[in-house]
Amino acid sequence: MQICPALNIQQKQKVTFHVRDNLLRDSANFTIQIRDPVVRTISGKYMGDSSYTVSLESNRTGTHLLQYFVGGVEAPDSPFLVKV
């Protein structure tokens, strides 16, 4: 597993992910878990048209594990690492 190069997150910086469900499910339960090292679960907000947003921030520097789930099932390309 490698650190995701697309994410350059600063400590205490709010980051918002925009996600589109390719299966076009409306109102699926979309959540993200971040381990920094405390495990926190953040629910996504349904935006319509099978799209979701979820915002998070970390107060701790280091490399953190980020996992995302749809309907309680971990997505195929999850987890990935982000550096704060």
Protein backbone atom coordinates (compact mmCIF):
# COMPACT_ATOMS: atom_id res chain seq x y z
CA MET A 1 0.00 0.00 0.00
CA GLN A 2 1.37 3.41 -0.97
CA ILE A 3 0.59 6.94 0.14
CA CYS A 4 -1.96 8.59 -2.13
CA PRO A 5 0.05 11.30 -3.96
CA ALA A 6 -3.07 13.28 -4.89
CA LEU A 7 -3.74 14.20 -1.26
CA ASN A 8 -1.56 16.81 0.41
CA ILE A 9 -3.33 17.39 3.71
CA GLN A 10 -2.18 19.87 6.31
CA GLN A 11 -2.82 19.33 10.00
CA LYS A 12 -6.31 20.63 11.01
CA GLN A 13 -7.15 21.30 7.33
CA LYS A 14 -10.67 20.29 6.34
CA VAL A 15 -10.73 18.02 3.28
CA THR A 16 -13.90 17.23 1.37
CA PHE A 17 -14.28 14.16 -0.82
CA HIS A 18 -16.83 14.08 -3.63
CA VAL A 19 -17.88 10.54 -4.53
CA ARG A 20 -20.17 9.20 -7.25
CA ASP A 21 -21.61 5.73 -6.87
CA ASN A 22 -21.06 3.91 -10.19
CA LEU A 23 -23.92 1.54 -9.36
CA LEU A 24 -26.23 4.59 -9.25
CA ARG A 25 -27.74 3.75 -5.88
CA ASP A 26 -29.68 6.59 -4.31
CA SER A 27 -29.17 7.16 -0.60
CA ALA A 28 -26.68 4.34 -0.03
CA ASN A 29 -24.97 4.46 3.35
CA PHE A 30 -21.56 6.00 2.49
CA THR A 31 -18.96 6.28 5.28
CA ILE A 32 -15.24 6.93 5.63
CA GLN A 33 -13.08 5.65 8.48
CA ILE A 34 -9.81 7.39 9.29
CA ARG A 35 -7.26 5.88 11.67
CA ASP A 36 -4.97 8.55 13.04
CA PRO A 37 -4.45 6.34 15.26
CA VAL A 38 -7.92 6.76 16.81
CA VAL A 39 -10.61 5.25 14.56
CA ARG A 40 -13.27 7.75 13.55
CA THR A 41 -16.21 7.11 11.24
CA ILE A 42 -17.67 9.98 9.24
CA SER A 43 -20.94 9.63 7.32
CA GLY A 44 -21.29 10.99 3.82
CA LYS A 45 -24.00 13.43 2.85
CA TYR A 46 -26.21 12.42 -0.07
CA MET A 47 -26.20 15.17 -2.71
CA GLY A 48 -28.60 13.59 -5.23
CA ASP A 49 -27.82 11.89 -8.54
CA SER A 50 -25.93 9.06 -6.73
CA SER A 51 -23.33 11.57 -5.45
CA TYR A 52 -22.03 12.02 -1.91
CA THR A 53 -19.70 14.36 -0.07
CA VAL A 54 -17.83 13.72 3.15
CA SER A 55 -15.53 16.12 5.00
CA LEU A 56 -12.85 15.27 7.51
CA GLU A 57 -9.79 16.68 9.21
CA SER A 58 -7.00 15.31 11.37
CA ASN A 59 -5.30 16.98 14.28
CA ARG A 60 -2.42 14.49 14.17
CA THR A 61 0.52 14.48 11.80
CA GLY A 62 1.77 11.27 10.23
CA THR A 63 0.52 8.63 7.83
CA HIS A 64 -3.10 7.58 8.33
CA LEU A 65 -5.23 4.77 6.96
CA LEU A 66 -8.38 5.88 5.15
CA GLN A 67 -11.09 3.35 4.32
CA TYR A 68 -14.41 3.93 2.65
CA PHE A 69 -17.58 1.88 2.69
CA VAL A 70 -20.82 1.85 0.73
CA GLY A 71 -23.73 0.06 2.32
CA GLY A 72 -21.40 -1.26 5.03
CA VAL A 73 -19.15 -3.00 2.45
CA GLU A 74 -15.60 -1.75 1.93
CA ALA A 75 -15.06 -0.40 -1.60
CA PRO A 76 -12.75 -2.44 -3.88
CA ASP A 77 -9.94 0.16 -4.04
CA SER A 78 -10.04 0.90 -0.31
CA PRO A 79 -8.05 1.39 1.92
CA PHE A 80 -5.39 3.91 1.07
CA LEU A 81 -2.85 5.95 3.01
CA VAL A 82 -2.82 9.72 3.40
CA LYS A 83 -0.04 11.81 4.88
CA VAL A 84 -0.86 14.73 7.16
